[in-house]
Protein backbone atom coordinates (compact mmCIF):
# COMPACT_ATOMS: atom_id res chain seq x y z
CA UNK A 1 -44.63 -8.01 -3.50
CA UNK A 2 -45.61 -7.89 -7.18
CA UNK A 3 -43.45 -7.67 -10.30
CA UNK A 4 -40.09 -8.03 -8.52
CA UNK A 5 -37.88 -9.84 -11.02
CA UNK A 6 -34.93 -12.09 -10.30
CA UNK A 7 -32.76 -9.91 -12.53
CA UNK A 8 -33.58 -6.84 -10.41
CA UNK A 9 -32.69 -8.70 -7.22
CA UNK A 10 -29.37 -9.85 -8.70
CA UNK A 11 -28.69 -6.30 -9.90
CA UNK A 12 -29.31 -4.97 -6.38
CA UNK A 13 -26.93 -7.61 -5.00
CA UNK A 14 -24.19 -6.49 -7.41
CA UNK A 15 -24.70 -2.78 -6.66
CA UNK A 16 -24.52 -3.54 -2.93
CA UNK A 17 -21.29 -5.52 -3.32
CA UNK A 18 -19.53 -3.02 -5.57
CA UNK A 19 -21.07 0.09 -3.97
CA UNK A 20 -21.01 1.64 -7.42
CA UNK A 21 -23.69 2.01 -10.07
CA UNK A 22 -21.03 2.56 -12.73
CA UNK A 23 -19.12 -0.66 -11.98
CA UNK A 24 -22.29 -2.71 -11.54
CA UNK A 25 -23.69 -1.40 -14.82
CA UNK A 26 -20.47 -2.42 -16.56
CA UNK A 27 -20.73 -5.94 -15.11
CA UNK A 28 -24.36 -6.23 -16.19
CA UNK A 29 -23.88 -4.70 -19.62
CA UNK A 30 -26.46 -1.94 -19.12
CA UNK A 31 -26.27 1.83 -18.80
CA UNK A 32 -25.80 3.48 -15.41
CA UNK A 33 -29.07 5.38 -15.79
CA UNK A 34 -31.01 2.21 -16.65
CA UNK A 35 -29.60 0.44 -13.59
CA UNK A 36 -30.40 3.40 -11.33
CA UNK A 37 -33.95 3.47 -12.71
CA UNK A 38 -34.32 -0.28 -12.06
CA UNK A 39 -33.20 0.13 -8.47
CA UNK A 40 -35.64 2.97 -7.85
CA UNK A 41 -38.41 0.83 -9.32
CA UNK A 42 -37.39 -2.03 -7.02
CA UNK A 43 -37.54 0.29 -3.99
CA UNK A 44 -40.98 1.48 -5.09
CA UNK A 45 -42.27 -2.09 -5.40
CA UNK A 46 -40.84 -3.05 -2.00
CA UNK A 47 -42.01 0.17 -0.39
CA UNK A 48 -38.65 0.81 1.26
CA UNK A 49 -35.46 2.72 0.45
CA UNK A 50 -32.56 0.32 -0.03
CA UNK A 51 -29.74 2.62 -1.16
CA UNK A 52 -28.28 5.99 -0.21
CA UNK A 53 -27.16 7.85 -3.35
CA UNK A 54 -24.80 10.79 -3.77
CA UNK A 55 -23.05 12.11 -6.86
CA UNK A 56 -19.92 10.16 -5.90
CA UNK A 57 -21.03 7.11 -3.97
CA UNK A 58 -23.75 4.63 -3.15
CA UNK A 59 -24.26 2.83 0.16
CA UNK A 60 -26.87 0.66 1.83
CA UNK A 61 -29.55 2.02 4.09
CA UNK A 62 -30.27 0.12 7.28
CA UNK A 63 -33.21 -1.58 5.57
CA UNK A 64 -31.06 -2.27 2.52
CA UNK A 65 -28.38 -3.96 4.64
CA UNK A 66 -31.00 -6.15 6.32
CA UNK A 67 -32.49 -7.04 2.93
CA UNK A 68 -29.05 -7.91 1.53
CA UNK A 69 -28.25 -10.14 4.52
CA UNK A 70 -31.35 -12.24 3.84
CA UNK A 71 -31.25 -12.09 0.05
CA UNK A 72 -27.62 -13.07 -0.53
CA UNK A 73 -27.81 -16.67 0.81
CA UNK A 74 -31.14 -17.22 -0.97
CA UNK A 75 -29.69 -16.27 -4.36
CA UNK A 76 -26.55 -18.34 -3.72
CA UNK A 77 -28.76 -21.34 -2.94
CA UNK A 78 -30.77 -20.73 -6.12
CA UNK A 79 -27.58 -20.57 -8.19
CA UNK A 80 -26.40 -23.85 -6.66
CA UNK A 81 -29.73 -25.50 -7.50
CA UNK A 82 -29.60 -24.26 -11.10
CA UNK A 83 -25.96 -25.31 -11.50
CA UNK A 84 -26.65 -28.80 -10.17
CA UNK A 85 -29.56 -29.17 -12.60
CA UNK A 86 -27.64 -28.13 -15.71
CA UNK A 87 -25.77 -30.74 -17.72
CA UNK A 88 -22.22 -31.13 -16.50
CA UNK A 89 -19.51 -32.92 -18.49
CA UNK A 90 -18.15 -36.08 -16.92
CA UNK A 91 -14.59 -34.75 -16.90
CA UNK A 92 -13.44 -31.22 -16.09
CA UNK A 93 -10.36 -29.99 -17.91
CA UNK A 94 -8.06 -27.01 -17.67
CA UNK A 95 -5.99 -25.16 -15.10
CA UNK A 96 -7.34 -23.67 -11.87
CA UNK A 97 -5.05 -20.91 -10.53
CA UNK A 98 -5.41 -19.86 -6.88
CA UNK A 99 -3.30 -17.30 -5.03
CA UNK A 100 -3.15 -18.07 -1.29
CA UNK A 101 -1.28 -17.30 1.88
CA UNK A 102 0.74 -20.14 3.37
CA UNK A 103 -1.80 -21.01 6.07
CA UNK A 104 -4.67 -21.10 3.61
CA UNK A 105 -2.74 -23.28 1.16
CA UNK A 106 -1.85 -25.71 3.96
CA UNK A 107 -5.50 -26.02 5.06
CA UNK A 108 -6.62 -26.64 1.49
CA UNK A 109 -3.93 -29.29 0.98
CA UNK A 110 -4.95 -31.08 4.16
CA UNK A 111 -8.72 -30.96 3.68
CA UNK A 112 -9.67 -30.31 0.05
CA UNK A 113 -7.00 -30.86 -2.60
CA UNK A 114 -6.66 -34.65 -2.37
CA UNK A 115 -10.38 -35.29 -2.87
CA UNK A 116 -10.68 -32.57 -5.51
CA UNK A 117 -7.86 -33.92 -7.68
CA UNK A 118 -9.07 -37.48 -7.22
CA UNK A 119 -12.53 -36.45 -8.46
CA UNK A 120 -11.15 -34.30 -11.30
CA UNK A 121 -7.89 -35.89 -12.49
CA UNK A 122 -7.80 -33.84 -15.71
CA UNK A 123 -7.67 -30.51 -13.81
CA UNK A 124 -4.29 -28.92 -13.11
CA UNK A 125 -4.34 -27.03 -9.81
CA UNK A 126 -1.85 -24.17 -9.65
CA UNK A 127 -1.65 -23.06 -6.00
CA UNK A 128 0.64 -20.04 -5.60
CA UNK A 129 1.83 -18.92 -2.14
CA UNK A 130 3.97 -15.84 -2.63
CA UNK A 131 2.39 -14.12 0.37
CA UNK A 132 1.54 -10.87 -1.43
CA UNK A 133 -1.91 -9.33 -1.52
CA UNK A 134 -2.36 -9.31 -5.30
CA UNK A 135 -5.17 -8.22 -7.60
CA UNK A 136 -6.26 -11.74 -8.54
CA UNK A 137 -8.05 -10.58 -11.69
CA UNK A 138 -5.12 -8.53 -13.02
CA UNK A 139 -2.66 -11.30 -12.10
CA UNK A 140 -4.66 -13.97 -13.92
CA UNK A 141 -5.86 -15.99 -10.94
CA UNK A 142 -9.27 -17.64 -10.78
CA UNK A 143 -9.49 -17.13 -7.01
CA UNK A 144 -7.55 -16.09 -3.95
CA UNK A 145 -7.36 -17.13 -0.29
CA UNK A 146 -7.00 -14.60 2.51
CA UNK A 147 -8.38 -13.78 5.94
CA UNK A 148 -11.94 -12.48 5.69
CA UNK A 149 -10.88 -8.96 6.76
CA UNK A 150 -8.46 -8.77 3.81
CA UNK A 151 -10.93 -9.83 1.10
CA UNK A 152 -11.81 -6.91 -1.22
CA UNK A 153 -15.42 -5.91 -0.72
CA UNK A 154 -16.30 -6.30 -4.41
CA UNK A 155 -15.43 -10.02 -4.30
CA UNK A 156 -17.55 -13.05 -3.47
CA UNK A 157 -16.16 -14.86 -0.41
CA UNK A 158 -16.53 -18.51 0.59
CA UNK A 159 -15.50 -18.98 4.26
CA UNK A 160 -13.74 -22.14 5.37
CA UNK A 161 -11.85 -23.49 8.34
CA UNK A 162 -13.76 -21.53 11.00
CA UNK A 163 -12.56 -18.59 13.07
CA UNK A 164 -8.87 -18.09 13.80
CA UNK A 165 -6.86 -16.50 16.59
CA UNK A 166 -3.57 -14.66 16.51
CA UNK A 167 -1.81 -15.34 19.80
CA UNK A 168 1.24 -14.11 21.68
CA UNK A 169 3.63 -16.74 22.99
CA UNK A 170 7.05 -17.07 24.56
CA UNK A 171 9.35 -19.77 25.88
CA UNK A 172 9.04 -20.53 29.63
CA UNK A 173 12.73 -19.76 30.08
CA UNK A 174 12.37 -16.33 28.51
CA UNK A 175 9.46 -15.46 30.81
CA UNK A 176 11.42 -16.60 33.87
CA UNK A 177 14.13 -14.09 33.01
CA UNK A 178 12.08 -11.21 31.58
CA UNK A 179 8.76 -11.59 33.38
CA UNK A 180 5.29 -12.17 31.98
CA UNK A 181 3.50 -9.25 30.31
CA UNK A 182 0.07 -8.53 31.79
CA UNK A 183 -1.13 -6.02 29.19
CA UNK A 184 -0.11 -5.36 25.57
CA UNK A 185 1.64 -2.16 26.65
CA UNK A 186 4.02 -4.31 28.73
CA UNK A 187 5.38 -5.68 25.45
CA UNK A 188 7.16 -2.36 24.95
CA UNK A 189 9.57 -3.47 27.69
CA UNK A 190 10.22 -6.90 26.12
CA UNK A 191 12.13 -8.40 23.22
CA UNK A 192 9.58 -9.13 20.51
CA UNK A 193 10.03 -11.11 17.33
CA UNK A 194 8.67 -8.79 14.66
CA UNK A 195 7.15 -9.84 11.36
CA UNK A 196 7.99 -8.33 7.99
CA UNK A 197 5.07 -8.23 5.56
CA UNK A 198 5.60 -9.11 1.87
CA UNK A 199 5.31 -5.42 0.94
CA UNK A 200 8.22 -4.59 3.26
CA UNK A 201 6.39 -3.04 6.23
CA UNK A 202 6.60 -4.42 9.74
CA UNK A 203 3.34 -5.92 10.95
CA UNK A 204 1.72 -4.06 13.85
CA UNK A 205 0.32 -6.41 16.50
CA UNK A 206 -3.44 -6.14 16.97
CA UNK A 207 -5.21 -6.79 20.27
CA UNK A 208 -8.76 -6.39 21.53
CA UNK A 209 -10.50 -6.55 24.88
CA UNK A 210 -14.08 -5.57 25.75
CA UNK A 211 -14.51 -4.61 22.06
CA UNK A 212 -11.71 -2.04 22.36
CA UNK A 213 -8.94 -2.51 19.76
CA UNK A 214 -5.28 -1.77 20.46
CA UNK A 215 -2.49 -1.78 17.86
CA UNK A 216 1.19 -1.78 18.77
CA UNK A 217 4.43 -1.36 16.86
CA UNK A 218 6.45 -3.65 19.14
CA UNK A 219 10.21 -3.39 19.75
CA UNK A 220 12.63 -6.14 18.89
CA UNK A 221 16.03 -6.97 17.43
CA UNK A 222 14.81 -9.88 15.28
CA UNK A 223 12.40 -9.56 12.34
CA UNK A 224 11.21 -12.54 10.30
CA UNK A 225 8.76 -13.00 7.42
CA UNK A 226 7.52 -16.50 8.22
CA UNK A 227 5.24 -17.59 11.09
CA UNK A 228 6.82 -21.03 11.43
CA UNK A 229 10.27 -19.44 11.80
CA UNK A 230 8.87 -17.05 14.40
CA UNK A 231 7.68 -19.99 16.49
CA UNK A 232 11.15 -21.57 16.19
CA UNK A 233 12.67 -18.31 17.41
CA UNK A 234 10.30 -18.36 20.39
CA UNK A 235 11.39 -21.89 21.29
CA UNK A 236 15.01 -20.71 21.18
CA UNK A 237 14.16 -18.06 23.79
CA UNK A 238 14.67 -15.08 21.49
CA UNK A 239 11.54 -13.25 22.58
CA UNK A 240 7.75 -13.00 22.28
CA UNK A 241 5.97 -13.63 18.98
CA UNK A 242 2.49 -12.96 17.62
CA UNK A 243 1.37 -15.67 15.19
CA UNK A 244 -1.73 -17.55 13.98
CA UNK A 245 -2.57 -20.21 16.56
CA UNK A 246 -2.18 -23.24 14.24
CA UNK A 247 1.53 -22.46 13.80
CA UNK A 248 2.06 -22.45 17.57
CA UNK A 249 -0.06 -25.47 18.50
CA UNK A 250 2.73 -28.07 18.47
CA UNK A 251 5.12 -25.93 20.50
CA UNK A 252 2.36 -25.21 23.03
CA UNK A 253 1.40 -28.91 23.29
CA UNK A 254 5.06 -29.88 23.80
CA UNK A 255 5.52 -27.29 26.55
CA UNK A 256 8.19 -25.48 24.54
CA UNK A 257 6.12 -22.29 24.55
CA UNK A 258 3.31 -20.79 26.60
CA UNK A 259 0.64 -18.31 25.64
CA UNK A 260 0.55 -14.83 27.18
CA UNK A 261 -2.06 -12.03 26.99
CA UNK A 262 -4.69 -14.65 26.18
CA UNK A 263 -7.66 -12.44 27.07
CA UNK A 264 -6.41 -9.82 24.61
CA UNK A 265 -6.45 -12.24 21.66
CA UNK A 266 -10.08 -13.05 20.72
CA UNK A 267 -10.93 -15.10 17.63
CA UNK A 268 -11.57 -13.31 14.34
CA UNK A 269 -13.25 -14.35 11.10
CA UNK A 270 -11.01 -16.91 9.42
CA UNK A 271 -9.99 -17.75 5.89
CA UNK A 272 -12.04 -17.29 2.73
CA UNK A 273 -11.70 -18.36 -0.85
CA UNK A 274 -12.71 -15.32 -2.88
CA UNK A 275 -13.33 -14.60 -6.54
CA UNK A 276 -14.61 -11.85 -8.80
CA UNK A 277 -18.35 -11.36 -9.05
CA UNK A 278 -18.49 -12.25 -12.72
CA UNK A 279 -21.65 -13.73 -14.14
CA UNK A 280 -19.94 -16.90 -15.37
CA UNK A 281 -17.74 -18.76 -12.90
CA UNK A 282 -15.43 -21.39 -14.46
CA UNK A 283 -16.63 -24.96 -13.95
CA UNK A 284 -13.31 -25.89 -12.33
CA UNK A 285 -13.73 -23.14 -9.73
CA UNK A 286 -17.34 -24.17 -9.07
CA UNK A 287 -16.15 -27.72 -8.45
CA UNK A 288 -13.41 -26.50 -6.09
CA UNK A 289 -15.92 -24.37 -4.16
CA UNK A 290 -18.17 -27.40 -3.84
CA UNK A 291 -15.23 -29.40 -2.48
CA UNK A 292 -14.56 -26.70 0.12
CA UNK A 293 -18.19 -26.51 1.19
CA UNK A 294 -18.28 -30.29 1.57
CA UNK A 295 -15.74 -30.09 4.42
CA UNK A 296 -15.83 -26.47 5.67
């Protein structure tokens, strides 16, 4: 493999993430035609087609996806090596703004924030938990925290905390009176505690079994916008709820609630810190990412 430059590999990585020559060219500060020419030259040198091109879109070929999967961690490791070699000031200064959901903010507080602020006492950490899915760049945030499935595809994601499960649970007393659902469709005959999303829509419960997804708009006379409150409502016998497992753990351990439809609730990819794929990441954010990776 001769004459394959690091800049060409990084350019391919950016095109693959953004799925747009125009956006990638803007990030790199080159023309669209020059970037397209560079990618064709890279394909010629590798002897394989990496990208499907149309007048409106660009996507990875099967070989391109396999190449990306192997290349991405290698370039991240190289960046980490280069960053650790460069001179770093003894003290970091400034404000680090992160938009997170409540569960992500709680995990970071419990596992990352104490050590991070102790190591960097001159940094002000602004952790915002308004629950909305915001455009972190337009809103002035350095990074965001969301479930992996909600991270925009043009962002760089740093997973932490492992996989997560959304589970259905109810109070034993409620199940004695109403019966125990055996399939998600049975929920249509039950009182369910619905969840209102920050944008105003009711959340549709998502199940999966044997790789077959099922989404339900469940009935119910109570709708809340907070998972902890939903668990409290379950304990009070007000119905069945669907919440992230960490919120329900204490009630389950205390016998105040039991899980139902367990085989329909497999784990999914968990939380990620994500940030824009800019060429220069703030030193404060790099330090926070390092603190996450130290414990994730």
